[in-house]
Every structure is written in structure tokens, then in C-alpha cells.
């Protein structure tokens, strides 16, 4: 395994046009993308006091960020750094984010136990779902072909929102709770965190932060098996991203990203690199555009005030 400090780069564009392209983009492109070209900004300035956590990037190069402070959604042009709040928050946190094939933004609601679905073009909240009334920190979300999956860091369960024909949003009564079983042992601390699909799209990968372990989860049964990393672990594991057979795990307080080469099923892998940057200040989540990875700095441990500055950082992948 190697460790490298990765570079940044910079550039040009037009925010309003890019946002329009992002919203109107073909559905198939709205997953984490390795496409995209042109020069991009290496540092994306976010609003003072924003307290970012989640990130989701549309194929045209618009990055969406959620605020832990009040739930606002901020959109930024990765080519210019220009941005604006496109959806006012409810006054409660927006945590993990993901875009679906129709350009809709799925948002984890943290301690509220809720999830929201937002149209980033209008800022409208299309639906709100109460995932649980129990102990909750709804942390992260991944949208698959037929469902949106949410983690709860305070309970050993996932939540599934089934998507109907044409991506139709479900009725609130259709929310499914999938208990985590198999090798999963709830630790009583901050447990289930980031969530992604395996390279073959047949299962889910869930980060258990308290044990520094990535689990492969059968979406039908909830049975979890620790991914065999040859004895390696991922302390402070947070958000994750899969591109091809490469899994990126953000290690927040460690200020680094573990790069893991997986087998197609996601049952085993090897940590092949560790990426870091002098600009990291407790990054939490990650998405890609072009040949870069983008990570919001949550700056946990820094007093959060209305004037505290926040940024997202680009690194090479």
C-alpha cells in the first residue's frame, strides 16, 4: 500500500447554464461519474456557517451540498466555484445526499428520522418520509435502480424507499425497514454510516464507523458480512463512493481517503492507496467529476459559528 498527497487544479464556466444542464441531464448519467472535462476549481468556497456534510454531483458539473446547520441545499459550479442556495432547509440537518436517474435529490435527515426528496431545479420538496420514530441519525443514502436506501447510525437497520415505474415515488406507507443481521453487531455508538452498491450492483456496502469495518449487506435479507480486506481496517470511515471496482472510503478525522480495489461482488478487497491533501479539514463524504474527487470539509472540532468559513476540496483520483 502506498500513500500520496494528491494535487489540485483550477478554471472557467457559467453557473446558471451548468445548473440547467445538470437538472435536464439524461437520467443514466446522474450516478457518480468518471466523465466530464474542462478545467475545474480546486477549492469550492461554501457559504460561511454552512456546516457541510453530504455531496452529490450531477454529470454537467453541478455539485450539491447539504447543510448540517439548517438543511439548506447549496449548488456550486465546479468549473467556476460560483454557487447559490437552491432549496431552503427546514431548520434541521441535511446529511447524506444522492441524485436519482430523474435528477431528484434524496436527502438524509439526521436526528429527525426523516428523508426528503427535492427537485433541485425548483427547490421544491417533492416528498418527506418518516423513516423511523426510534433513535435516529439518518446518515447516508444511495439510490439504486429500484429503490433509495438510507442508513441510521443509531439503529441496526436500513430503510428502503421503493421506486415505481418511471421512478414514481412511494407512498409513505411503503417505507420498508430492513434489519441488519448476519455478522452485524450494533455497538451502541455511531454505527452505520456511508452506503454504496457493490461493483456488480447485487448488494450494498455499509460502513460501520464504530468498528472501522465495511460490511457487504444482502438487500433482501439484511444479512451482513465483513468485507475481507486482508486484515486492514478503515478507522474514522464515513462516506463512500464506488467507481468500477474501486471503493473510496473517506476517513474523516484521519483527513484521508482509503482507495480499495474490490472483487466484483464486494466480498473482498485490498487497500491499494491512501489519498490525502493539505487542504483537508475533516472531510466527510465524496463524489466524482472527471478525474477528480470532491470532498466537503465538515471541520468537526472547529467551533461552528455563522461566520465560520467552509470549503469543498478537489483531489486527483
C-alpha atoms as a PDB file:
ATOM      1  CA  UNK A   1       0.000   0.000   0.000  1.00  0.00           C
ATOM      2  CA  UNK A   2       1.193   3.499  -0.840  1.00  0.00           C
ATOM      3  CA  UNK A   3       0.232   6.916   0.444  1.00  0.00           C
ATOM      4  CA  UNK A   4       0.186  10.008  -1.711  1.00  0.00           C
ATOM      5  CA  UNK A   5      -0.728  13.630  -1.400  1.00  0.00           C
ATOM      6  CA  UNK A   6      -2.826  14.470  -4.425  1.00  0.00           C
ATOM      7  CA  UNK A   7      -2.875  17.620  -6.480  1.00  0.00           C
ATOM      8  CA  UNK A   8      -5.472  20.288  -7.176  1.00  0.00           C
ATOM      9  CA  UNK A   9      -6.358  22.212 -10.349  1.00  0.00           C
ATOM     10  CA  UNK A  10      -8.415  25.267 -11.455  1.00  0.00           C
ATOM     11  CA  UNK A  11     -10.711  27.081 -14.056  1.00  0.00           C
ATOM     12  CA  UNK A  12     -13.821  28.543 -16.009  1.00  0.00           C
ATOM     13  CA  UNK A  13     -17.641  28.135 -16.701  1.00  0.00           C
ATOM     14  CA  UNK A  14     -21.154  29.562 -16.115  1.00  0.00           C
ATOM     15  CA  UNK A  15     -23.223  28.590 -13.086  1.00  0.00           C
ATOM     16  CA  UNK A  16     -26.753  29.217 -14.305  1.00  0.00           C
ATOM     17  CA  UNK A  17     -26.234  27.329 -17.561  1.00  0.00           C
ATOM     18  CA  UNK A  18     -24.495  24.454 -15.800  1.00  0.00           C
ATOM     19  CA  UNK A  19     -27.311  24.108 -13.277  1.00  0.00           C
ATOM     20  CA  UNK A  20     -29.830  23.913 -16.126  1.00  0.00           C
ATOM     21  CA  UNK A  21     -27.743  21.234 -17.839  1.00  0.00           C
ATOM     22  CA  UNK A  22     -27.438  19.274 -14.596  1.00  0.00           C
ATOM     23  CA  UNK A  23     -31.170  19.217 -13.991  1.00  0.00           C
ATOM     24  CA  UNK A  24     -32.003  18.308 -17.595  1.00  0.00           C
ATOM     25  CA  UNK A  25     -29.235  15.726 -17.971  1.00  0.00           C
ATOM     26  CA  UNK A  26     -30.048  12.198 -19.136  1.00  0.00           C
ATOM     27  CA  UNK A  27     -31.103  10.012 -16.243  1.00  0.00           C
ATOM     28  CA  UNK A  28     -28.435   7.386 -16.815  1.00  0.00           C
ATOM     29  CA  UNK A  29     -25.706   9.925 -16.208  1.00  0.00           C
ATOM     30  CA  UNK A  30     -26.767  11.011 -12.759  1.00  0.00           C
ATOM     31  CA  UNK A  31     -24.697   8.493 -10.836  1.00  0.00           C
ATOM     32  CA  UNK A  32     -21.150   9.245  -9.652  1.00  0.00           C
ATOM     33  CA  UNK A  33     -19.427   9.915 -12.945  1.00  0.00           C
ATOM     34  CA  UNK A  34     -15.955   9.470 -14.294  1.00  0.00           C
ATOM     35  CA  UNK A  35     -16.804  11.612 -17.309  1.00  0.00           C
ATOM     36  CA  UNK A  36     -16.638  15.385 -17.635  1.00  0.00           C
ATOM     37  CA  UNK A  37     -13.954  17.641 -18.968  1.00  0.00           C
ATOM     38  CA  UNK A  38     -12.573  21.127 -18.917  1.00  0.00           C
ATOM     39  CA  UNK A  39     -10.778  22.932 -16.174  1.00  0.00           C
ATOM     40  CA  UNK A  40     -12.290  22.882 -12.712  1.00  0.00           C
ATOM     41  CA  UNK A  41     -11.813  24.671  -9.422  1.00  0.00           C
ATOM     42  CA  UNK A  42      -9.639  23.004  -6.801  1.00  0.00           C
ATOM     43  CA  UNK A  43     -11.345  24.734  -3.882  1.00  0.00           C
ATOM     44  CA  UNK A  44     -15.088  25.376  -3.787  1.00  0.00           C
ATOM     45  CA  UNK A  45     -16.000  28.075  -1.298  1.00  0.00           C
ATOM     46  CA  UNK A  46     -19.237  27.352   0.554  1.00  0.00           C
ATOM     47  CA  UNK A  47     -21.330  29.880   2.486  1.00  0.00           C
ATOM     48  CA  UNK A  48     -19.964  30.950   5.867  1.00  0.00           C
ATOM     49  CA  UNK A  49     -21.601  28.977   8.658  1.00  0.00           C
ATOM     50  CA  UNK A  50     -22.912  26.353   6.222  1.00  0.00           C
ATOM     51  CA  UNK A  51     -21.575  23.243   8.039  1.00  0.00           C
ATOM     52  CA  UNK A  52     -21.496  20.905   5.003  1.00  0.00           C
ATOM     53  CA  UNK A  53     -21.733  17.133   5.207  1.00  0.00           C
ATOM     54  CA  UNK A  54     -23.139  15.476   2.084  1.00  0.00           C
ATOM     55  CA  UNK A  55     -22.268  15.950  -1.589  1.00  0.00           C
ATOM     56  CA  UNK A  56     -23.826  14.770  -4.854  1.00  0.00           C
ATOM     57  CA  UNK A  57     -22.556  15.792  -8.297  1.00  0.00           C
ATOM     58  CA  UNK A  58     -24.616  15.904 -11.494  1.00  0.00           C
ATOM     59  CA  UNK A  59     -22.920  14.965 -14.781  1.00  0.00           C
ATOM     60  CA  UNK A  60     -22.774  18.560 -16.014  1.00  0.00           C
ATOM     61  CA  UNK A  61     -20.554  19.545 -13.104  1.00  0.00           C
ATOM     62  CA  UNK A  62     -23.012  20.966 -10.581  1.00  0.00           C
ATOM     63  CA  UNK A  63     -22.240  19.832  -7.042  1.00  0.00           C
ATOM     64  CA  UNK A  64     -24.952  19.835  -4.401  1.00  0.00           C
ATOM     65  CA  UNK A  65     -24.107  20.191  -0.723  1.00  0.00           C
ATOM     66  CA  UNK A  66     -26.319  19.765   2.345  1.00  0.00           C
ATOM     67  CA  UNK A  67     -26.083  21.894   5.483  1.00  0.00           C
ATOM     68  CA  UNK A  68     -25.998  20.402   8.954  1.00  0.00           C
ATOM     69  CA  UNK A  69     -26.894  23.833  10.317  1.00  0.00           C
ATOM     70  CA  UNK A  70     -30.335  24.343   8.773  1.00  0.00           C
ATOM     71  CA  UNK A  71     -30.773  21.832   5.955  1.00  0.00           C
ATOM     72  CA  UNK A  72     -30.187  24.264   3.074  1.00  0.00           C
ATOM     73  CA  UNK A  73     -29.090  22.763  -0.255  1.00  0.00           C
ATOM     74  CA  UNK A  74     -26.304  24.694  -1.969  1.00  0.00           C
ATOM     75  CA  UNK A  75     -25.402  24.166  -5.640  1.00  0.00           C
ATOM     76  CA  UNK A  76     -21.940  25.049  -6.959  1.00  0.00           C
ATOM     77  CA  UNK A  77     -20.456  25.084 -10.467  1.00  0.00           C
ATOM     78  CA  UNK A  78     -17.281  23.019 -10.263  1.00  0.00           C
ATOM     79  CA  UNK A  79     -15.746  24.940 -13.169  1.00  0.00           C
ATOM     80  CA  UNK A  80     -16.117  28.413 -11.626  1.00  0.00           C
ATOM     81  CA  UNK A  81     -16.859  27.872  -7.965  1.00  0.00           C
ATOM     82  CA  UNK A  82     -19.975  30.043  -8.312  1.00  0.00           C
ATOM     83  CA  UNK A  83     -22.976  28.870  -6.361  1.00  0.00           C
ATOM     84  CA  UNK A  84     -26.216  29.609  -4.572  1.00  0.00           C
ATOM     85  CA  UNK A  85     -28.746  28.067  -2.202  1.00  0.00           C
ATOM     86  CA  UNK A  86     -31.271  26.269  -4.412  1.00  0.00           C
ATOM     87  CA  UNK A  87     -33.527  24.860  -1.685  1.00  0.00           C
ATOM     88  CA  UNK A  88     -34.156  26.361   1.734  1.00  0.00           C
ATOM     89  CA  UNK A  89     -33.824  23.884   4.547  1.00  0.00           C
ATOM     90  CA  UNK A  90     -36.436  23.048   7.179  1.00  0.00           C
ATOM     91  CA  UNK A  91     -34.197  24.210  10.024  1.00  0.00           C
ATOM     92  CA  UNK A  92     -32.997  20.653  10.653  1.00  0.00           C
ATOM     93  CA  UNK A  93     -29.923  18.935   9.173  1.00  0.00           C
ATOM     94  CA  UNK A  94     -29.383  17.707   5.664  1.00  0.00           C
ATOM     95  CA  UNK A  95     -26.788  14.941   5.889  1.00  0.00           C
ATOM     96  CA  UNK A  96     -26.099  12.424   3.087  1.00  0.00           C
ATOM     97  CA  UNK A  97     -27.249  13.201  -0.479  1.00  0.00           C
ATOM     98  CA  UNK A  98     -27.714  11.280  -3.709  1.00  0.00           C
ATOM     99  CA  UNK A  99     -29.202  12.068  -7.114  1.00  0.00           C
ATOM    100  CA  UNK A 100     -31.509   9.630  -8.832  1.00  0.00           C
ATOM    101  CA  UNK A 101     -31.960   8.921 -12.541  1.00  0.00           C
ATOM    102  CA  UNK A 102     -34.526  11.723 -12.810  1.00  0.00           C
ATOM    103  CA  UNK A 103     -32.393  14.463 -11.311  1.00  0.00           C
ATOM    104  CA  UNK A 104     -34.134  14.379  -7.950  1.00  0.00           C
ATOM    105  CA  UNK A 105     -32.087  14.827  -4.789  1.00  0.00           C
ATOM    106  CA  UNK A 106     -32.615  12.351  -1.954  1.00  0.00           C
ATOM    107  CA  UNK A 107     -31.630  13.806   1.422  1.00  0.00           C
ATOM    108  CA  UNK A 108     -30.926  12.110   4.769  1.00  0.00           C
ATOM    109  CA  UNK A 109     -32.466  13.995   7.670  1.00  0.00           C
ATOM    110  CA  UNK A 110     -30.155  13.123  10.571  1.00  0.00           C
ATOM    111  CA  UNK A 111     -31.805  13.216  14.026  1.00  0.00           C
ATOM    112  CA  UNK A 112     -35.302  13.865  12.636  1.00  0.00           C
ATOM    113  CA  UNK A 113     -35.604  10.271  11.435  1.00  0.00           C
ATOM    114  CA  UNK A 114     -36.770  11.669   8.095  1.00  0.00           C
ATOM    115  CA  UNK A 115     -35.782  11.593   4.454  1.00  0.00           C
ATOM    116  CA  UNK A 116     -36.698  14.243   1.881  1.00  0.00           C
ATOM    117  CA  UNK A 117     -36.831  14.243  -1.902  1.00  0.00           C
ATOM    118  CA  UNK A 118     -36.078  17.602  -3.523  1.00  0.00           C
ATOM    119  CA  UNK A 119     -36.344  18.970  -7.038  1.00  0.00           C
ATOM    120  CA  UNK A 120     -33.086  20.973  -7.246  1.00  0.00           C
ATOM    121  CA  UNK A 121     -34.359  22.929 -10.271  1.00  0.00           C
ATOM    122  CA  UNK A 122     -37.240  24.489  -8.341  1.00  0.00           C
ATOM    123  CA  UNK A 123     -36.099  23.872  -4.772  1.00  0.00           C
ATOM    124  CA  UNK A 124     -39.440  22.217  -4.021  1.00  0.00           C
ATOM    125  CA  UNK A 125     -39.674  19.354  -1.542  1.00  0.00           C
ATOM    126  CA  UNK A 126     -41.415  16.617  -3.521  1.00  0.00           C
ATOM    127  CA  UNK A 127     -41.903  14.224  -0.608  1.00  0.00           C
ATOM    128  CA  UNK A 128     -40.984  13.709   3.036  1.00  0.00           C
ATOM    129  CA  UNK A 129     -40.765  10.285   4.662  1.00  0.00           C
ATOM    130  CA  UNK A 130     -40.647   9.458   8.361  1.00  0.00           C
ATOM    131  CA  UNK A 131     -38.282   6.502   8.235  1.00  0.00           C
ATOM    132  CA  UNK A 132     -38.352   5.774  11.960  1.00  0.00           C
ATOM    133  CA  UNK A 133     -39.728   7.146  15.209  1.00  0.00           C
ATOM    134  CA  UNK A 134     -36.987   5.424  17.200  1.00  0.00           C
ATOM    135  CA  UNK A 135     -33.425   6.545  17.958  1.00  0.00           C
ATOM    136  CA  UNK A 136     -32.148   8.065  14.756  1.00  0.00           C
ATOM    137  CA  UNK A 137     -29.387   9.722  12.873  1.00  0.00           C
ATOM    138  CA  UNK A 138     -30.342   9.158   9.252  1.00  0.00           C
ATOM    139  CA  UNK A 139     -26.883   9.475   7.831  1.00  0.00           C
ATOM    140  CA  UNK A 140     -26.382   8.492   4.209  1.00  0.00           C
ATOM    141  CA  UNK A 141     -28.306   7.406   1.118  1.00  0.00           C
ATOM    142  CA  UNK A 142     -27.710   5.563  -2.139  1.00  0.00           C
ATOM    143  CA  UNK A 143     -30.237   5.439  -4.975  1.00  0.00           C
ATOM    144  CA  UNK A 144     -30.250   2.174  -6.914  1.00  0.00           C
ATOM    145  CA  UNK A 145     -32.250   1.200  -9.994  1.00  0.00           C
ATOM    146  CA  UNK A 146     -35.402   0.471  -7.998  1.00  0.00           C
ATOM    147  CA  UNK A 147     -35.001   1.992  -4.528  1.00  0.00           C
ATOM    148  CA  UNK A 148     -33.364   4.557  -2.285  1.00  0.00           C
ATOM    149  CA  UNK A 149     -31.542   3.119   0.734  1.00  0.00           C
ATOM    150  CA  UNK A 150     -30.812   5.059   3.945  1.00  0.00           C
ATOM    151  CA  UNK A 151     -28.574   4.263   6.921  1.00  0.00           C
ATOM    152  CA  UNK A 152     -29.315   5.009  10.570  1.00  0.00           C
ATOM    153  CA  UNK A 153     -26.214   5.463  12.708  1.00  0.00           C
ATOM    154  CA  UNK A 154     -28.180   4.838  15.915  1.00  0.00           C
ATOM    155  CA  UNK A 155     -30.039   1.632  14.932  1.00  0.00           C
ATOM    156  CA  UNK A 156     -29.082  -1.638  13.273  1.00  0.00           C
ATOM    157  CA  UNK A 157     -31.396  -1.197  10.313  1.00  0.00           C
ATOM    158  CA  UNK A 158     -31.618   0.234   6.820  1.00  0.00           C
ATOM    159  CA  UNK A 159     -34.622   1.917   5.215  1.00  0.00           C
ATOM    160  CA  UNK A 160     -35.771   1.222   1.680  1.00  0.00           C
ATOM    161  CA  UNK A 161     -37.935   3.571  -0.384  1.00  0.00           C
ATOM    162  CA  UNK A 162     -39.138   1.504  -3.361  1.00  0.00           C
ATOM    163  CA  UNK A 163     -39.286   3.394  -6.656  1.00  0.00           C
ATOM    164  CA  UNK A 164     -42.119   2.540  -9.002  1.00  0.00           C
ATOM    165  CA  UNK A 165     -42.382   2.583 -12.806  1.00  0.00           C
ATOM    166  CA  UNK A 166     -40.734   5.660 -14.238  1.00  0.00           C
ATOM    167  CA  UNK A 167     -39.175   6.326 -10.841  1.00  0.00           C
ATOM    168  CA  UNK A 168     -42.521   7.017  -9.158  1.00  0.00           C
ATOM    169  CA  UNK A 169     -42.048   7.976  -5.516  1.00  0.00           C
ATOM    170  CA  UNK A 170     -43.670   5.642  -3.000  1.00  0.00           C
ATOM    171  CA  UNK A 171     -46.446   6.384  -0.563  1.00  0.00           C
ATOM    172  CA  UNK A 172     -45.145   6.921   2.989  1.00  0.00           C
ATOM    173  CA  UNK A 173     -46.810   3.639   3.988  1.00  0.00           C
ATOM    174  CA  UNK A 174     -44.493   1.779   1.602  1.00  0.00           C
ATOM    175  CA  UNK A 175     -41.271   2.571   3.502  1.00  0.00           C
ATOM    176  CA  UNK A 176     -39.539  -0.698   4.359  1.00  0.00           C
ATOM    177  CA  UNK A 177     -37.275  -1.336   7.348  1.00  0.00           C
ATOM    178  CA  UNK A 178     -34.547  -3.932   6.770  1.00  0.00           C
ATOM    179  CA  UNK A 179     -32.876  -5.151   9.960  1.00  0.00           C
ATOM    180  CA  UNK A 180     -29.121  -5.683   9.744  1.00  0.00           C
ATOM    181  CA  UNK A 181     -28.196  -9.251  10.680  1.00  0.00           C
ATOM    182  CA  UNK A 182     -25.546 -11.849   9.981  1.00  0.00           C
ATOM    183  CA  UNK A 183     -22.181 -10.601  11.243  1.00  0.00           C
ATOM    184  CA  UNK A 184     -23.502  -7.114  12.062  1.00  0.00           C
ATOM    185  CA  UNK A 185     -23.354  -6.333  15.784  1.00  0.00           C
ATOM    186  CA  UNK A 186     -24.760  -2.978  16.831  1.00  0.00           C
ATOM    187  CA  UNK A 187     -22.211  -1.248  19.061  1.00  0.00           C
ATOM    188  CA  UNK A 188     -24.468   1.371  20.587  1.00  0.00           C
ATOM    189  CA  UNK A 189     -22.332   4.231  19.317  1.00  0.00           C
ATOM    190  CA  UNK A 190     -22.085   5.766  15.849  1.00  0.00           C
ATOM    191  CA  UNK A 191     -22.526   2.710  13.682  1.00  0.00           C
ATOM    192  CA  UNK A 192     -23.991   2.536  10.136  1.00  0.00           C
ATOM    193  CA  UNK A 193     -22.659   5.446   8.113  1.00  0.00           C
ATOM    194  CA  UNK A 194     -21.816   5.527   4.379  1.00  0.00           C
ATOM    195  CA  UNK A 195     -23.671   3.292   1.926  1.00  0.00           C
ATOM    196  CA  UNK A 196     -22.996   2.332  -1.718  1.00  0.00           C
ATOM    197  CA  UNK A 197     -23.634  -0.570  -4.096  1.00  0.00           C
ATOM    198  CA  UNK A 198     -21.160  -3.346  -4.779  1.00  0.00           C
ATOM    199  CA  UNK A 199     -19.448  -3.227  -8.191  1.00  0.00           C
ATOM    200  CA  UNK A 200     -21.846  -5.887  -9.530  1.00  0.00           C
ATOM    201  CA  UNK A 201     -24.867  -3.957  -8.148  1.00  0.00           C
ATOM    202  CA  UNK A 202     -26.171  -7.064  -6.398  1.00  0.00           C
ATOM    203  CA  UNK A 203     -25.591  -5.974  -2.819  1.00  0.00           C
ATOM    204  CA  UNK A 204     -24.885  -2.974  -0.627  1.00  0.00           C
ATOM    205  CA  UNK A 205     -21.739  -1.899   1.204  1.00  0.00           C
ATOM    206  CA  UNK A 206     -22.241  -0.206   4.559  1.00  0.00           C
ATOM    207  CA  UNK A 207     -19.554   1.462   6.654  1.00  0.00           C
ATOM    208  CA  UNK A 208     -19.690   0.702  10.383  1.00  0.00           C
ATOM    209  CA  UNK A 209     -17.735   3.615  11.789  1.00  0.00           C
ATOM    210  CA  UNK A 210     -17.507   2.324  15.358  1.00  0.00           C
ATOM    211  CA  UNK A 211     -15.623  -0.823  14.283  1.00  0.00           C
ATOM    212  CA  UNK A 212     -13.761   0.620  11.244  1.00  0.00           C
ATOM    213  CA  UNK A 213     -15.358  -2.161   9.159  1.00  0.00           C
ATOM    214  CA  UNK A 214     -17.010  -2.213   5.744  1.00  0.00           C
ATOM    215  CA  UNK A 215     -19.867  -4.730   5.510  1.00  0.00           C
ATOM    216  CA  UNK A 216     -21.459  -6.317   2.459  1.00  0.00           C
ATOM    217  CA  UNK A 217     -25.224  -6.419   3.012  1.00  0.00           C
ATOM    218  CA  UNK A 218     -27.742  -8.624   1.224  1.00  0.00           C
ATOM    219  CA  UNK A 219     -30.538  -6.167   0.365  1.00  0.00           C
ATOM    220  CA  UNK A 220     -33.221  -8.864   0.540  1.00  0.00           C
ATOM    221  CA  UNK A 221     -32.389 -10.238   3.998  1.00  0.00           C
ATOM    222  CA  UNK A 222     -30.212  -7.576   5.636  1.00  0.00           C
ATOM    223  CA  UNK A 223     -27.561 -10.206   6.375  1.00  0.00           C
ATOM    224  CA  UNK A 224     -24.169  -8.520   6.652  1.00  0.00           C
ATOM    225  CA  UNK A 225     -20.705  -9.963   6.127  1.00  0.00           C
ATOM    226  CA  UNK A 226     -17.497  -8.080   6.832  1.00  0.00           C
ATOM    227  CA  UNK A 227     -15.602  -7.342   3.609  1.00  0.00           C
ATOM    228  CA  UNK A 228     -12.284  -9.198   3.712  1.00  0.00           C
ATOM    229  CA  UNK A 229      -9.603  -6.507   3.406  1.00  0.00           C
ATOM    230  CA  UNK A 230      -6.741  -8.823   4.265  1.00  0.00           C
ATOM    231  CA  UNK A 231      -6.601  -7.633   7.849  1.00  0.00           C
ATOM    232  CA  UNK A 232      -6.817  -3.916   7.044  1.00  0.00           C
ATOM    233  CA  UNK A 233      -9.434  -1.641   8.576  1.00  0.00           C
ATOM    234  CA  UNK A 234     -10.669   1.886   7.861  1.00  0.00           C
ATOM    235  CA  UNK A 235     -10.715   3.952  11.086  1.00  0.00           C
ATOM    236  CA  UNK A 236     -12.986   7.004  11.034  1.00  0.00           C
ATOM    237  CA  UNK A 237     -14.750   5.645   7.947  1.00  0.00           C
ATOM    238  CA  UNK A 238     -17.548   7.917   6.759  1.00  0.00           C
ATOM    239  CA  UNK A 239     -18.932   8.472   3.246  1.00  0.00           C
ATOM    240  CA  UNK A 240     -18.081   6.079   0.409  1.00  0.00           C
ATOM    241  CA  UNK A 241     -18.029   6.026  -3.394  1.00  0.00           C
ATOM    242  CA  UNK A 242     -17.689   3.135  -5.867  1.00  0.00           C
ATOM    243  CA  UNK A 243     -16.285   3.719  -9.361  1.00  0.00           C
ATOM    244  CA  UNK A 244     -15.906   0.492 -11.305  1.00  0.00           C
ATOM    245  CA  UNK A 245     -14.232  -1.875  -8.857  1.00  0.00           C
ATOM    246  CA  UNK A 246     -12.637   0.890  -6.785  1.00  0.00           C
ATOM    247  CA  UNK A 247     -14.139   1.797  -3.426  1.00  0.00           C
ATOM    248  CA  UNK A 248     -13.198   5.139  -1.905  1.00  0.00           C
ATOM    249  CA  UNK A 249     -13.765   5.445   1.846  1.00  0.00           C
ATOM    250  CA  UNK A 250     -13.490   8.883   3.439  1.00  0.00           C
ATOM    251  CA  UNK A 251     -11.719   8.713   6.808  1.00  0.00           C
ATOM    252  CA  UNK A 252     -12.924  11.966   8.295  1.00  0.00           C
ATOM    253  CA  UNK A 253     -10.824  12.666  11.384  1.00  0.00           C
ATOM    254  CA  UNK A 254      -7.857  10.970   9.690  1.00  0.00           C
ATOM    255  CA  UNK A 255      -8.024  13.543   6.855  1.00  0.00           C
ATOM    256  CA  UNK A 256      -7.550  10.890   4.201  1.00  0.00           C
ATOM    257  CA  UNK A 257      -9.338   8.630   1.732  1.00  0.00           C
ATOM    258  CA  UNK A 258      -8.717   4.889   1.554  1.00  0.00           C
ATOM    259  CA  UNK A 259      -8.649   3.533  -2.008  1.00  0.00           C
ATOM    260  CA  UNK A 260      -9.737  -0.096  -2.044  1.00  0.00           C
ATOM    261  CA  UNK A 261      -9.693  -2.478  -5.010  1.00  0.00           C
ATOM    262  CA  UNK A 262     -12.710  -4.794  -4.694  1.00  0.00           C
ATOM    263  CA  UNK A 263     -13.706  -8.033  -6.327  1.00  0.00           C
ATOM    264  CA  UNK A 264     -16.929  -7.650  -8.385  1.00  0.00           C
ATOM    265  CA  UNK A 265     -19.175  -8.978  -5.620  1.00  0.00           C
ATOM    266  CA  UNK A 266     -17.657  -6.744  -2.961  1.00  0.00           C
ATOM    267  CA  UNK A 267     -16.856  -9.653  -0.664  1.00  0.00           C
ATOM    268  CA  UNK A 268     -13.127  -8.917  -0.556  1.00  0.00           C
ATOM    269  CA  UNK A 269     -10.674  -6.208  -1.456  1.00  0.00           C
ATOM    270  CA  UNK A 270      -7.281  -4.655  -0.862  1.00  0.00           C
ATOM    271  CA  UNK A 271      -6.340  -1.183   0.310  1.00  0.00           C
ATOM    272  CA  UNK A 272      -4.092  -0.098  -2.572  1.00  0.00           C
ATOM    273  CA  UNK A 273      -3.595   3.581  -1.774  1.00  0.00           C
ATOM    274  CA  UNK A 274      -4.328   6.327   0.739  1.00  0.00           C
ATOM    275  CA  UNK A 275      -5.123   9.778  -0.655  1.00  0.00           C
ATOM    276  CA  UNK A 276      -4.693  12.964   1.319  1.00  0.00           C
ATOM    277  CA  UNK A 277      -4.405  16.713   0.847  1.00  0.00           C
ATOM    278  CA  UNK A 278      -3.076  19.614   2.915  1.00  0.00           C
ATOM    279  CA  UNK A 279      -6.476  21.242   2.324  1.00  0.00           C
ATOM    280  CA  UNK A 280      -8.427  18.520   4.122  1.00  0.00           C
ATOM    281  CA  UNK A 281     -10.118  19.642   7.341  1.00  0.00           C
ATOM    282  CA  UNK A 282     -12.231  16.650   8.392  1.00  0.00           C
ATOM    283  CA  UNK A 283     -13.822  15.712   5.050  1.00  0.00           C
ATOM    284  CA  UNK A 284     -16.935  13.592   5.380  1.00  0.00           C
ATOM    285  CA  UNK A 285     -18.295  12.474   2.004  1.00  0.00           C
ATOM    286  CA  UNK A 286     -17.115  12.160  -1.587  1.00  0.00           C
ATOM    287  CA  UNK A 287     -18.315  12.241  -5.171  1.00  0.00           C
ATOM    288  CA  UNK A 288     -16.515  12.407  -8.501  1.00  0.00           C
ATOM    289  CA  UNK A 289     -16.390  14.547 -11.625  1.00  0.00           C
ATOM    290  CA  UNK A 290     -13.926  13.978 -14.426  1.00  0.00           C
ATOM    291  CA  UNK A 291     -10.680  12.697 -12.963  1.00  0.00           C
ATOM    292  CA  UNK A 292     -11.260  14.334  -9.604  1.00  0.00           C
ATOM    293  CA  UNK A 293     -12.796  13.532  -6.255  1.00  0.00           C
ATOM    294  CA  UNK A 294     -14.636  16.273  -4.354  1.00  0.00           C
ATOM    295  CA  UNK A 295     -14.973  16.287  -0.593  1.00  0.00           C
ATOM    296  CA  UNK A 296     -16.687  18.830   1.684  1.00  0.00           C
ATOM    297  CA  UNK A 297     -14.699  19.788   4.780  1.00  0.00           C
ATOM    298  CA  UNK A 298     -17.037  19.448   7.756  1.00  0.00           C
ATOM    299  CA  UNK A 299     -14.409  20.922  10.103  1.00  0.00           C
ATOM    300  CA  UNK A 300     -15.696  18.936  13.083  1.00  0.00           C
ATOM    301  CA  UNK A 301     -13.884  20.229  16.155  1.00  0.00           C
ATOM    302  CA  UNK A 302     -13.825  23.793  14.840  1.00  0.00           C
ATOM    303  CA  UNK A 303     -16.426  25.987  16.583  1.00  0.00           C
ATOM    304  CA  UNK A 304     -19.366  26.381  14.202  1.00  0.00           C
ATOM    305  CA  UNK A 305     -20.487  29.997  14.058  1.00  0.00           C
ATOM    306  CA  UNK A 306     -22.402  31.992  11.419  1.00  0.00           C
ATOM    307  CA  UNK A 307     -19.048  33.326  10.173  1.00  0.00           C
ATOM    308  CA  UNK A 308     -17.037  30.073  10.172  1.00  0.00           C
ATOM    309  CA  UNK A 309     -15.707  29.500   6.624  1.00  0.00           C
ATOM    310  CA  UNK A 310     -16.287  26.197   4.841  1.00  0.00           C
ATOM    311  CA  UNK A 311     -14.955  24.693   1.626  1.00  0.00           C
ATOM    312  CA  UNK A 312     -15.004  21.606  -0.555  1.00  0.00           C
ATOM    313  CA  UNK A 313     -11.716  20.256  -1.893  1.00  0.00           C
ATOM    314  CA  UNK A 314     -10.845  18.584  -5.181  1.00  0.00           C
ATOM    315  CA  UNK A 315      -8.146  15.925  -5.353  1.00  0.00           C
ATOM    316  CA  UNK A 316      -6.968  13.746  -8.235  1.00  0.00           C
ATOM    317  CA  UNK A 317      -8.104  10.140  -8.247  1.00  0.00           C
END
